[in-house]
């Protein structure tokens, strides 16, 4: 479905955020993107969503080049924006309509999809937002904003769902609902997180990036989570000194975050 070949991306004079990265996302994959803060997870998702273009390398969506010029072509752009949706790490970056109702309806209306009101009602109910439909998004709590942002992309019923720290601000029940949805859905999912507790729930395949945005691992989630040396190289584990009586020992610990 999605193919990245020797992707490199950086911001102006800064060192590259993503460096010579190649990977394939297959239809139906439930892929977890693991890495410490600042390793390029959000940048990689924006590349996959066509919001930014790599400085070198190529990116293909179902065999078609994903470039600014391709996305300037109306037919391909409409298809891609319908089929690929990105949840930003910070929901405030996605919310700009006067009401929750209009926020959820915005994407389907822009893309000319059918049954907009029915779609809005369905996903508002699924995320517990029905009572908030006529409220301004800026008055909502952080968790409510996250749910609105989720509804605004799920309403498109995309083929490819890109999630950046999807558990941020959500209560445990909502996180459980989201995990169940992803597991049961036929959608292809790429979910970025540094939450090791959540990683095994989000998918079965795992990509691990090092702090320079280079690919360290591509394989089963369980294998990655059980490899402390790999997690240390990715800055997802650290060595911590303990004192036992008069002796000191250094142990390797994974960062098992309670929340994203």
C-alpha atoms as a PDB file:
ATOM      1  CA  UNK A   1       0.000   0.000   0.000  1.00  0.00           C
ATOM      2  CA  UNK A   2       2.713   2.463   1.035  1.00  0.00           C
ATOM      3  CA  UNK A   3       6.363   2.217   0.022  1.00  0.00           C
ATOM      4  CA  UNK A   4       9.218   4.425   1.232  1.00  0.00           C
ATOM      5  CA  UNK A   5      12.565   4.137  -0.532  1.00  0.00           C
ATOM      6  CA  UNK A   6      15.708   5.768   0.937  1.00  0.00           C
ATOM      7  CA  UNK A   7      13.716   8.662   2.409  1.00  0.00           C
ATOM      8  CA  UNK A   8      15.668  11.591   3.791  1.00  0.00           C
ATOM      9  CA  UNK A   9      14.124  14.679   5.379  1.00  0.00           C
ATOM     10  CA  UNK A  10      15.465  17.604   7.411  1.00  0.00           C
ATOM     11  CA  UNK A  11      14.483  21.155   8.279  1.00  0.00           C
ATOM     12  CA  UNK A  12      16.660  23.800   6.571  1.00  0.00           C
ATOM     13  CA  UNK A  13      20.195  23.754   8.004  1.00  0.00           C
ATOM     14  CA  UNK A  14      19.417  21.293  10.816  1.00  0.00           C
ATOM     15  CA  UNK A  15      20.645  17.686  10.704  1.00  0.00           C
ATOM     16  CA  UNK A  16      18.222  15.303   8.973  1.00  0.00           C
ATOM     17  CA  UNK A  17      15.233  14.178  11.030  1.00  0.00           C
ATOM     18  CA  UNK A  18      14.765  11.073   8.866  1.00  0.00           C
ATOM     19  CA  UNK A  19      17.869   9.546   7.318  1.00  0.00           C
ATOM     20  CA  UNK A  20      17.869   7.005   4.440  1.00  0.00           C
ATOM     21  CA  UNK A  21      14.806   5.133   5.653  1.00  0.00           C
ATOM     22  CA  UNK A  22      13.119   2.417   3.594  1.00  0.00           C
ATOM     23  CA  UNK A  23      10.029   0.398   4.522  1.00  0.00           C
ATOM     24  CA  UNK A  24       6.805  -1.022   3.125  1.00  0.00           C
ATOM     25  CA  UNK A  25       3.372  -0.796   4.725  1.00  0.00           C
ATOM     26  CA  UNK A  26       1.205  -3.628   3.453  1.00  0.00           C
ATOM     27  CA  UNK A  27      -2.578  -3.509   3.196  1.00  0.00           C
ATOM     28  CA  UNK A  28      -4.059  -4.686   6.489  1.00  0.00           C
ATOM     29  CA  UNK A  29      -0.888  -4.059   8.500  1.00  0.00           C
ATOM     30  CA  UNK A  30      -1.262  -2.965  12.106  1.00  0.00           C
ATOM     31  CA  UNK A  31       2.119  -1.315  12.445  1.00  0.00           C
ATOM     32  CA  UNK A  32       3.509   0.327  15.583  1.00  0.00           C
ATOM     33  CA  UNK A  33       6.104   3.068  15.124  1.00  0.00           C
ATOM     34  CA  UNK A  34       8.320   3.163  18.213  1.00  0.00           C
ATOM     35  CA  UNK A  35      10.951   5.714  19.124  1.00  0.00           C
ATOM     36  CA  UNK A  36      11.913   8.269  21.723  1.00  0.00           C
ATOM     37  CA  UNK A  37      10.625  11.837  21.561  1.00  0.00           C
ATOM     38  CA  UNK A  38      12.376  13.741  18.786  1.00  0.00           C
ATOM     39  CA  UNK A  39      13.333  10.699  16.691  1.00  0.00           C
ATOM     40  CA  UNK A  40      11.133  11.710  13.753  1.00  0.00           C
ATOM     41  CA  UNK A  41       7.939   9.711  14.310  1.00  0.00           C
ATOM     42  CA  UNK A  42       5.640  12.695  13.679  1.00  0.00           C
ATOM     43  CA  UNK A  43       7.708  13.750  10.667  1.00  0.00           C
ATOM     44  CA  UNK A  44       7.495  10.253   9.208  1.00  0.00           C
ATOM     45  CA  UNK A  45       3.702  10.228   9.567  1.00  0.00           C
ATOM     46  CA  UNK A  46       3.471  13.620   7.830  1.00  0.00           C
ATOM     47  CA  UNK A  47       5.590  12.240   4.983  1.00  0.00           C
ATOM     48  CA  UNK A  48       3.259   9.239   4.725  1.00  0.00           C
ATOM     49  CA  UNK A  49       0.283  11.621   4.634  1.00  0.00           C
ATOM     50  CA  UNK A  50       1.804  13.751   1.878  1.00  0.00           C
ATOM     51  CA  UNK A  51       1.884  16.897   4.018  1.00  0.00           C
ATOM     52  CA  UNK A  52       5.623  17.274   3.485  1.00  0.00           C
ATOM     53  CA  UNK A  53       7.894  15.936   0.743  1.00  0.00           C
ATOM     54  CA  UNK A  54      11.209  14.129   1.289  1.00  0.00           C
ATOM     55  CA  UNK A  55      14.404  15.884   0.264  1.00  0.00           C
ATOM     56  CA  UNK A  56      15.531  12.679  -1.408  1.00  0.00           C
ATOM     57  CA  UNK A  57      14.165   9.211  -1.969  1.00  0.00           C
ATOM     58  CA  UNK A  58      10.699   8.248  -3.160  1.00  0.00           C
ATOM     59  CA  UNK A  59       7.333   7.555  -1.564  1.00  0.00           C
ATOM     60  CA  UNK A  60       4.629   5.548  -3.333  1.00  0.00           C
ATOM     61  CA  UNK A  61       0.961   5.059  -2.453  1.00  0.00           C
ATOM     62  CA  UNK A  62      -0.461   1.959  -4.116  1.00  0.00           C
ATOM     63  CA  UNK A  63       2.227   2.266  -6.777  1.00  0.00           C
ATOM     64  CA  UNK A  64       1.616   5.972  -7.451  1.00  0.00           C
ATOM     65  CA  UNK A  65       4.282   8.573  -6.567  1.00  0.00           C
ATOM     66  CA  UNK A  66       3.155  10.613  -3.564  1.00  0.00           C
ATOM     67  CA  UNK A  67       4.465  14.061  -4.465  1.00  0.00           C
ATOM     68  CA  UNK A  68       3.236  17.647  -4.307  1.00  0.00           C
ATOM     69  CA  UNK A  69       2.605  17.617  -8.047  1.00  0.00           C
ATOM     70  CA  UNK A  70       0.581  14.380  -7.789  1.00  0.00           C
ATOM     71  CA  UNK A  71      -1.479  15.843  -4.937  1.00  0.00           C
ATOM     72  CA  UNK A  72      -2.118  18.939  -7.051  1.00  0.00           C
ATOM     73  CA  UNK A  73      -4.062  16.699  -9.441  1.00  0.00           C
ATOM     74  CA  UNK A  74      -7.669  16.816  -8.272  1.00  0.00           C
ATOM     75  CA  UNK A  75      -8.684  13.200  -8.872  1.00  0.00           C
ATOM     76  CA  UNK A  76      -5.662  11.685  -7.121  1.00  0.00           C
ATOM     77  CA  UNK A  77      -5.804  14.235  -4.281  1.00  0.00           C
ATOM     78  CA  UNK A  78      -9.475  13.492  -3.587  1.00  0.00           C
ATOM     79  CA  UNK A  79      -8.838   9.761  -3.608  1.00  0.00           C
ATOM     80  CA  UNK A  80      -5.774   9.989  -1.371  1.00  0.00           C
ATOM     81  CA  UNK A  81      -7.348  12.393   1.150  1.00  0.00           C
ATOM     82  CA  UNK A  82     -10.371  10.105   1.370  1.00  0.00           C
ATOM     83  CA  UNK A  83      -8.290   6.956   1.822  1.00  0.00           C
ATOM     84  CA  UNK A  84      -5.477   8.242   4.073  1.00  0.00           C
ATOM     85  CA  UNK A  85      -6.126  10.147   7.319  1.00  0.00           C
ATOM     86  CA  UNK A  86      -3.703  11.451   9.941  1.00  0.00           C
ATOM     87  CA  UNK A  87      -4.399  12.099  13.621  1.00  0.00           C
ATOM     88  CA  UNK A  88      -2.004  14.790  14.821  1.00  0.00           C
ATOM     89  CA  UNK A  89      -0.274  14.460  18.183  1.00  0.00           C
ATOM     90  CA  UNK A  90      -1.889  17.685  19.385  1.00  0.00           C
ATOM     91  CA  UNK A  91      -5.608  17.828  18.486  1.00  0.00           C
ATOM     92  CA  UNK A  92      -5.678  21.639  18.646  1.00  0.00           C
ATOM     93  CA  UNK A  93      -3.755  21.611  15.349  1.00  0.00           C
ATOM     94  CA  UNK A  94      -6.739  19.921  13.679  1.00  0.00           C
ATOM     95  CA  UNK A  95      -9.692  21.801  15.177  1.00  0.00           C
ATOM     96  CA  UNK A  96     -10.819  25.078  13.601  1.00  0.00           C
ATOM     97  CA  UNK A  97     -14.584  24.846  13.005  1.00  0.00           C
ATOM     98  CA  UNK A  98     -17.143  26.690  15.197  1.00  0.00           C
ATOM     99  CA  UNK A  99     -18.864  23.528  16.489  1.00  0.00           C
ATOM    100  CA  UNK A 100     -18.048  19.874  17.059  1.00  0.00           C
ATOM    101  CA  UNK A 101     -20.715  18.930  14.507  1.00  0.00           C
ATOM    102  CA  UNK A 102     -19.123  21.041  11.802  1.00  0.00           C
ATOM    103  CA  UNK A 103     -15.679  19.795  12.778  1.00  0.00           C
ATOM    104  CA  UNK A 104     -16.642  16.159  12.194  1.00  0.00           C
ATOM    105  CA  UNK A 105     -18.572  17.008   9.021  1.00  0.00           C
ATOM    106  CA  UNK A 106     -15.812  19.159   7.490  1.00  0.00           C
ATOM    107  CA  UNK A 107     -13.762  16.425   5.822  1.00  0.00           C
ATOM    108  CA  UNK A 108     -16.689  14.499   4.293  1.00  0.00           C
ATOM    109  CA  UNK A 109     -18.202  17.732   2.962  1.00  0.00           C
ATOM    110  CA  UNK A 110     -14.934  18.899   1.428  1.00  0.00           C
ATOM    111  CA  UNK A 111     -14.532  15.522  -0.274  1.00  0.00           C
ATOM    112  CA  UNK A 112     -18.153  15.375  -1.417  1.00  0.00           C
ATOM    113  CA  UNK A 113     -18.943  12.164   0.435  1.00  0.00           C
ATOM    114  CA  UNK A 114     -22.509  10.896   0.766  1.00  0.00           C
ATOM    115  CA  UNK A 115     -24.613  10.723   3.945  1.00  0.00           C
ATOM    116  CA  UNK A 116     -22.587  13.326   5.839  1.00  0.00           C
ATOM    117  CA  UNK A 117     -25.133  13.782   8.638  1.00  0.00           C
ATOM    118  CA  UNK A 118     -25.476  10.025   9.150  1.00  0.00           C
ATOM    119  CA  UNK A 119     -21.690   9.671   9.302  1.00  0.00           C
ATOM    120  CA  UNK A 120     -21.436  12.481  11.854  1.00  0.00           C
ATOM    121  CA  UNK A 121     -24.183  10.984  14.028  1.00  0.00           C
ATOM    122  CA  UNK A 122     -22.592   7.527  13.923  1.00  0.00           C
ATOM    123  CA  UNK A 123     -19.082   8.572  14.924  1.00  0.00           C
ATOM    124  CA  UNK A 124     -20.261  11.151  17.463  1.00  0.00           C
ATOM    125  CA  UNK A 125     -22.249   8.401  19.183  1.00  0.00           C
ATOM    126  CA  UNK A 126     -19.346   5.940  18.971  1.00  0.00           C
ATOM    127  CA  UNK A 127     -17.018   8.392  20.724  1.00  0.00           C
ATOM    128  CA  UNK A 128     -19.557   9.722  23.217  1.00  0.00           C
ATOM    129  CA  UNK A 129     -19.719  13.167  21.610  1.00  0.00           C
ATOM    130  CA  UNK A 130     -23.434  13.437  20.798  1.00  0.00           C
ATOM    131  CA  UNK A 131     -24.162  15.830  23.679  1.00  0.00           C
ATOM    132  CA  UNK A 132     -21.260  18.034  22.572  1.00  0.00           C
ATOM    133  CA  UNK A 133     -22.143  18.389  18.882  1.00  0.00           C
ATOM    134  CA  UNK A 134     -23.219  22.034  19.143  1.00  0.00           C
ATOM    135  CA  UNK A 135     -20.412  23.140  21.450  1.00  0.00           C
ATOM    136  CA  UNK A 136     -17.286  25.014  20.246  1.00  0.00           C
ATOM    137  CA  UNK A 137     -14.254  22.693  20.244  1.00  0.00           C
ATOM    138  CA  UNK A 138     -12.104  25.264  22.060  1.00  0.00           C
ATOM    139  CA  UNK A 139     -14.320  24.940  25.155  1.00  0.00           C
ATOM    140  CA  UNK A 140     -13.733  21.193  25.449  1.00  0.00           C
ATOM    141  CA  UNK A 141     -11.309  19.346  27.711  1.00  0.00           C
ATOM    142  CA  UNK A 142      -8.121  17.844  26.311  1.00  0.00           C
ATOM    143  CA  UNK A 143      -9.645  14.377  26.204  1.00  0.00           C
ATOM    144  CA  UNK A 144     -12.788  15.637  24.475  1.00  0.00           C
ATOM    145  CA  UNK A 145     -10.711  17.470  21.864  1.00  0.00           C
ATOM    146  CA  UNK A 146      -8.802  14.255  21.209  1.00  0.00           C
ATOM    147  CA  UNK A 147     -12.083  12.402  20.657  1.00  0.00           C
ATOM    148  CA  UNK A 148     -13.326  15.102  18.261  1.00  0.00           C
ATOM    149  CA  UNK A 149     -10.081  14.899  16.293  1.00  0.00           C
ATOM    150  CA  UNK A 150     -10.458  11.111  16.135  1.00  0.00           C
ATOM    151  CA  UNK A 151     -14.078  11.397  14.990  1.00  0.00           C
ATOM    152  CA  UNK A 152     -13.046  13.904  12.326  1.00  0.00           C
ATOM    153  CA  UNK A 153     -10.782  11.323  10.654  1.00  0.00           C
ATOM    154  CA  UNK A 154     -12.759   8.151  11.388  1.00  0.00           C
ATOM    155  CA  UNK A 155     -15.797   9.749   9.736  1.00  0.00           C
ATOM    156  CA  UNK A 156     -13.885   9.439   6.446  1.00  0.00           C
ATOM    157  CA  UNK A 157     -13.684   5.656   6.961  1.00  0.00           C
ATOM    158  CA  UNK A 158     -10.156   5.657   5.501  1.00  0.00           C
ATOM    159  CA  UNK A 159      -8.207   2.691   4.175  1.00  0.00           C
ATOM    160  CA  UNK A 160      -4.980   3.940   5.805  1.00  0.00           C
ATOM    161  CA  UNK A 161      -5.074   5.433   9.298  1.00  0.00           C
ATOM    162  CA  UNK A 162      -2.011   7.257  10.649  1.00  0.00           C
ATOM    163  CA  UNK A 163      -2.058   7.920  14.401  1.00  0.00           C
ATOM    164  CA  UNK A 164       0.427  10.109  16.281  1.00  0.00           C
ATOM    165  CA  UNK A 165       0.399   9.254  20.012  1.00  0.00           C
ATOM    166  CA  UNK A 166      -3.288   8.254  19.846  1.00  0.00           C
ATOM    167  CA  UNK A 167      -3.702   7.632  23.578  1.00  0.00           C
ATOM    168  CA  UNK A 168      -2.719  11.195  24.516  1.00  0.00           C
ATOM    169  CA  UNK A 169      -5.366  12.759  26.795  1.00  0.00           C
ATOM    170  CA  UNK A 170      -7.750   9.797  26.460  1.00  0.00           C
ATOM    171  CA  UNK A 171      -9.185   8.083  29.530  1.00  0.00           C
ATOM    172  CA  UNK A 172      -8.573   4.308  29.898  1.00  0.00           C
ATOM    173  CA  UNK A 173     -12.060   3.383  28.637  1.00  0.00           C
ATOM    174  CA  UNK A 174     -11.570   5.445  25.468  1.00  0.00           C
ATOM    175  CA  UNK A 175      -8.130   3.935  24.871  1.00  0.00           C
ATOM    176  CA  UNK A 176      -9.686   0.476  25.209  1.00  0.00           C
ATOM    177  CA  UNK A 177     -12.424   1.415  22.741  1.00  0.00           C
ATOM    178  CA  UNK A 178      -9.834   2.665  20.239  1.00  0.00           C
ATOM    179  CA  UNK A 179      -7.725  -0.489  20.548  1.00  0.00           C
ATOM    180  CA  UNK A 180     -10.795  -2.679  19.978  1.00  0.00           C
ATOM    181  CA  UNK A 181     -11.731  -0.593  16.927  1.00  0.00           C
ATOM    182  CA  UNK A 182      -8.255  -0.922  15.414  1.00  0.00           C
ATOM    183  CA  UNK A 183      -8.044  -4.670  16.047  1.00  0.00           C
ATOM    184  CA  UNK A 184     -11.464  -5.380  14.549  1.00  0.00           C
ATOM    185  CA  UNK A 185     -11.120  -2.985  11.612  1.00  0.00           C
ATOM    186  CA  UNK A 186      -9.865  -3.842   8.131  1.00  0.00           C
ATOM    187  CA  UNK A 187      -8.054  -0.485   8.032  1.00  0.00           C
ATOM    188  CA  UNK A 188      -4.308  -0.410   7.589  1.00  0.00           C
ATOM    189  CA  UNK A 189      -2.928   1.347  10.676  1.00  0.00           C
ATOM    190  CA  UNK A 190       0.398   3.014  11.457  1.00  0.00           C
ATOM    191  CA  UNK A 191       0.429   4.185  15.093  1.00  0.00           C
ATOM    192  CA  UNK A 192       3.364   6.133  16.526  1.00  0.00           C
ATOM    193  CA  UNK A 193       4.044   5.971  20.248  1.00  0.00           C
ATOM    194  CA  UNK A 194       6.774   5.921  22.869  1.00  0.00           C
ATOM    195  CA  UNK A 195       4.385   4.131  25.248  1.00  0.00           C
ATOM    196  CA  UNK A 196       5.762   0.591  25.514  1.00  0.00           C
ATOM    197  CA  UNK A 197       2.736  -0.576  27.519  1.00  0.00           C
ATOM    198  CA  UNK A 198       0.467   0.445  24.653  1.00  0.00           C
ATOM    199  CA  UNK A 199       2.658  -0.789  21.787  1.00  0.00           C
ATOM    200  CA  UNK A 200       1.699  -4.460  21.995  1.00  0.00           C
ATOM    201  CA  UNK A 201      -1.999  -3.505  21.997  1.00  0.00           C
ATOM    202  CA  UNK A 202      -1.788  -1.286  18.911  1.00  0.00           C
ATOM    203  CA  UNK A 203      -0.352  -3.775  16.452  1.00  0.00           C
ATOM    204  CA  UNK A 204       1.637  -6.892  15.671  1.00  0.00           C
ATOM    205  CA  UNK A 205       4.425  -5.408  13.539  1.00  0.00           C
ATOM    206  CA  UNK A 206       6.882  -2.894  14.920  1.00  0.00           C
ATOM    207  CA  UNK A 207       9.206  -0.294  13.441  1.00  0.00           C
ATOM    208  CA  UNK A 208      11.854   1.105  15.811  1.00  0.00           C
ATOM    209  CA  UNK A 209      13.701   4.343  15.013  1.00  0.00           C
ATOM    210  CA  UNK A 210      16.907   5.525  16.608  1.00  0.00           C
ATOM    211  CA  UNK A 211      17.293   9.165  17.785  1.00  0.00           C
ATOM    212  CA  UNK A 212      18.583  10.165  14.302  1.00  0.00           C
ATOM    213  CA  UNK A 213      15.529   8.807  12.503  1.00  0.00           C
ATOM    214  CA  UNK A 214      17.237   5.678  11.204  1.00  0.00           C
ATOM    215  CA  UNK A 215      15.528   2.286  11.061  1.00  0.00           C
ATOM    216  CA  UNK A 216      16.786  -0.042  13.790  1.00  0.00           C
ATOM    217  CA  UNK A 217      14.194  -2.811  13.653  1.00  0.00           C
ATOM    218  CA  UNK A 218      11.277  -4.050  11.554  1.00  0.00           C
ATOM    219  CA  UNK A 219       9.557  -7.151  12.911  1.00  0.00           C
ATOM    220  CA  UNK A 220       7.190  -8.541  15.551  1.00  0.00           C
ATOM    221  CA  UNK A 221       6.268  -6.193  18.404  1.00  0.00           C
ATOM    222  CA  UNK A 222       7.009  -8.869  21.017  1.00  0.00           C
ATOM    223  CA  UNK A 223      10.557  -9.310  19.707  1.00  0.00           C
ATOM    224  CA  UNK A 224      11.232  -5.573  19.901  1.00  0.00           C
ATOM    225  CA  UNK A 225       9.800  -5.192  23.395  1.00  0.00           C
ATOM    226  CA  UNK A 226      11.837  -8.139  24.632  1.00  0.00           C
ATOM    227  CA  UNK A 227      15.125  -6.763  23.270  1.00  0.00           C
ATOM    228  CA  UNK A 228      16.442  -4.381  25.932  1.00  0.00           C
ATOM    229  CA  UNK A 229      19.629  -3.671  23.980  1.00  0.00           C
ATOM    230  CA  UNK A 230      17.507  -2.517  21.023  1.00  0.00           C
ATOM    231  CA  UNK A 231      15.337  -0.368  23.291  1.00  0.00           C
ATOM    232  CA  UNK A 232      18.445   1.171  24.854  1.00  0.00           C
ATOM    233  CA  UNK A 233      19.831   2.048  21.405  1.00  0.00           C
ATOM    234  CA  UNK A 234      16.496   3.681  20.584  1.00  0.00           C
ATOM    235  CA  UNK A 235      16.585   5.621  23.896  1.00  0.00           C
ATOM    236  CA  UNK A 236      13.492   3.749  25.060  1.00  0.00           C
ATOM    237  CA  UNK A 237      15.455   2.103  27.877  1.00  0.00           C
ATOM    238  CA  UNK A 238      18.182   3.325  30.197  1.00  0.00           C
ATOM    239  CA  UNK A 239      20.699   2.003  32.668  1.00  0.00           C
ATOM    240  CA  UNK A 240      19.898   2.867  36.255  1.00  0.00           C
ATOM    241  CA  UNK A 241      22.127   2.349  39.273  1.00  0.00           C
ATOM    242  CA  UNK A 242      20.806   0.663  42.402  1.00  0.00           C
ATOM    243  CA  UNK A 243      22.410   0.352  45.811  1.00  0.00           C
ATOM    244  CA  UNK A 244      21.968  -2.983  47.600  1.00  0.00           C
ATOM    245  CA  UNK A 245      23.547  -2.760  51.028  1.00  0.00           C
ATOM    246  CA  UNK A 246      27.119  -1.638  50.398  1.00  0.00           C
ATOM    247  CA  UNK A 247      27.146  -2.680  46.742  1.00  0.00           C
ATOM    248  CA  UNK A 248      25.967  -0.839  43.643  1.00  0.00           C
ATOM    249  CA  UNK A 249      24.566  -2.484  40.526  1.00  0.00           C
ATOM    250  CA  UNK A 250      23.603  -1.069  37.159  1.00  0.00           C
ATOM    251  CA  UNK A 251      20.417  -2.421  35.572  1.00  0.00           C
ATOM    252  CA  UNK A 252      18.811  -1.795  32.216  1.00  0.00           C
ATOM    253  CA  UNK A 253      15.200  -0.595  32.428  1.00  0.00           C
ATOM    254  CA  UNK A 254      12.633  -0.069  29.684  1.00  0.00           C
ATOM    255  CA  UNK A 255      10.680   3.213  29.788  1.00  0.00           C
ATOM    256  CA  UNK A 256       7.276   1.688  30.524  1.00  0.00           C
ATOM    257  CA  UNK A 257       5.271   4.924  30.315  1.00  0.00           C
ATOM    258  CA  UNK A 258       1.883   5.011  31.945  1.00  0.00           C
ATOM    259  CA  UNK A 259       0.564   7.436  29.347  1.00  0.00           C
ATOM    260  CA  UNK A 260       1.716   8.925  26.076  1.00  0.00           C
END
